Protein backbone atom coordinates (compact mmCIF):
# COMPACT_ATOMS: atom_id res chain seq x y z
CA MET A 1 80.95 99.62 102.99
CA THR A 2 80.57 96.12 101.14
CA GLN A 3 83.13 93.23 102.29
CA GLN A 4 84.75 93.51 98.77
CA GLU A 5 85.30 97.28 99.84
CA ARG A 6 86.95 96.40 103.38
CA GLU A 7 89.15 94.33 102.02
CA ALA A 8 90.65 96.02 99.02
CA LEU A 9 91.26 98.93 102.00
CA ALA A 10 93.09 96.46 103.79
CA ARG A 11 95.23 95.79 100.83
CA ALA A 12 95.18 99.68 99.97
CA PRO A 13 98.95 101.01 100.22
CA GLN A 14 99.34 103.57 103.27
CA VAL A 15 99.51 106.78 101.75
CA LEU A 16 99.27 109.80 102.18
CA ARG A 17 97.95 112.29 99.09
CA LEU A 18 98.09 115.82 98.94
CA ALA A 19 96.48 117.04 95.96
CA VAL A 20 95.32 120.35 93.89
CA GLY A 21 93.98 118.84 90.22
CA PHE A 22 96.62 116.71 88.76
CA ASN A 23 98.94 118.10 91.00
CA ALA A 24 100.54 115.73 93.70
CA ILE A 25 102.37 114.96 96.59
CA GLU A 26 102.68 111.24 97.76
CA VAL A 27 104.48 110.10 101.06
CA PRO A 28 104.38 106.68 102.61
CA VAL A 29 103.07 106.88 105.93
CA SER A 30 106.03 105.00 107.17
CA GLU A 31 108.35 108.19 106.63
CA LEU A 32 106.19 110.79 107.97
CA PRO A 33 108.44 112.04 110.48
CA ALA A 34 105.60 113.40 113.06
CA VAL A 35 101.72 112.81 113.49
CA SER A 36 99.70 113.70 116.37
CA PHE A 37 95.81 114.70 117.15
CA ASP A 38 93.83 116.79 119.81
CA ARG A 39 90.88 117.84 121.00
CA TYR A 40 89.08 121.29 119.15
CA GLY A 41 85.95 121.54 121.14
CA PRO A 42 83.57 118.93 119.88
CA ARG A 43 86.04 117.89 116.70
CA GLY A 44 89.33 116.40 115.90
CA MET A 45 92.60 118.21 114.93
CA VAL A 46 95.10 115.96 113.19
CA TYR A 47 98.83 117.45 112.83
CA LEU A 48 101.56 116.34 110.88
CA THR A 49 104.79 117.21 109.64
CA LEU A 50 106.09 116.14 105.81
CA PRO A 51 109.51 114.23 105.35
CA GLU A 52 111.83 117.17 104.68
CA ARG A 53 112.64 116.60 101.06
CA ASN A 54 108.86 117.73 100.33
CA ALA A 55 108.23 120.44 102.59
CA ALA A 56 109.60 122.54 99.58
CA ARG A 57 107.54 120.61 97.07
CA PHE A 58 104.22 121.37 99.42
CA PHE A 59 104.75 125.18 99.76
CA ALA A 60 105.23 125.50 96.19
CA LEU A 61 101.88 123.47 95.62
CA THR A 62 99.98 125.67 98.21
CA ALA A 63 102.14 129.13 96.99
CA GLY A 64 100.54 127.95 93.08
CA HIS A 65 96.63 127.16 94.32
CA VAL A 66 95.79 129.75 96.73
CA GLY A 67 91.73 129.91 97.14
CA GLU A 68 92.02 126.24 95.22
CA VAL A 69 90.59 122.90 97.51
CA LEU A 70 93.43 120.76 99.03
CA GLN A 71 92.07 117.17 98.40
CA VAL A 72 93.82 115.06 101.52
CA THR A 73 93.34 111.36 100.83
CA LEU A 74 94.91 108.86 103.34
CA CYS A 75 95.11 104.87 101.90
CA GLY A 76 92.99 106.34 98.33
CA ILE A 77 90.04 107.57 100.63
CA LEU A 78 89.02 111.17 101.05
CA ILE A 79 89.61 112.39 104.67
CA ASN A 80 90.08 116.22 104.31
CA ALA A 81 89.29 119.07 101.38
CA PRO A 82 89.94 122.52 102.65
CA LYS A 83 90.49 125.62 101.16
CA ILE A 84 94.24 126.85 100.80
CA MET A 85 94.29 130.50 102.20
CA SER A 86 97.78 131.01 102.05
CA PRO A 87 101.04 129.19 101.03
CA ILE A 88 101.90 126.67 104.07
CA SER A 89 105.94 126.60 104.74
CA GLY A 90 107.73 124.48 106.90
CA GLY A 91 106.44 120.99 105.95
CA ARG A 92 103.77 121.66 108.70
CA GLY A 93 99.93 121.46 108.31
CA GLN A 94 97.08 120.48 110.01
CA LEU A 95 93.78 118.95 109.54
CA LEU A 96 90.14 119.47 111.52
CA LEU A 97 88.12 116.66 111.48
CA ASP A 98 84.51 116.27 112.38
CA THR A 99 85.14 114.13 115.49
CA TYR A 100 87.76 113.34 118.08
CA GLU A 101 87.23 109.64 117.07
CA GLU A 102 87.99 110.32 113.25
CA ALA A 103 91.13 112.46 113.83
CA ARG A 104 92.86 109.68 116.51
CA ILE A 105 91.95 106.26 113.64
CA VAL A 106 93.33 108.68 111.01
CA THR A 107 96.04 109.59 113.22
CA ASP A 108 97.10 105.84 113.84
CA VAL A 109 96.96 104.80 110.54
CA MET A 110 99.24 107.72 109.60
CA SER A 111 101.59 107.14 112.30
CA GLY A 112 102.00 103.67 111.14
CA ARG A 113 99.77 101.92 114.75
CA GLU A 114 97.11 101.02 112.33
CA GLY A 115 96.84 99.90 108.42
CA CYS A 116 94.15 101.10 106.06
CA ALA A 117 91.84 99.29 107.51
CA ALA A 118 91.37 101.04 109.99
CA LEU A 119 89.18 104.28 108.46
CA ALA A 120 86.43 101.55 107.21
CA GLY A 121 83.29 102.79 108.64
CA LEU A 122 84.38 106.44 109.03
CA SER A 123 81.61 108.63 107.62
CA ILE A 124 84.46 111.49 106.98
CA ARG A 125 82.31 114.43 105.88
CA VAL A 126 83.85 116.66 103.56
CA ASP A 127 82.25 120.16 103.26
């Protein structure tokens, strides 16, 4: 990542975006009621809860796009792209990242403990 890209990332709004094509839900990280992480074998799992007002929209988004890919971006950086296996209710989700360290950094940004610049240098791989 170039210095210019790092500076742009440092100025990026802290927004979580969940999208399938042009259908998207954007949530400022300051509005996420719960974010945590845990080890999942050698990998890291991020758990998040959306604000109540977004839960029904998230259910509709996932219900209408089963079998498609959900693009999860944070601060404009693609951090995960899982295939939607079934509608997701309750506004709760989980993201499996390649490493525990990636999960910790993503959780720190989603919880507001770190700014977007903390994502610089991550080598998040999306299958």
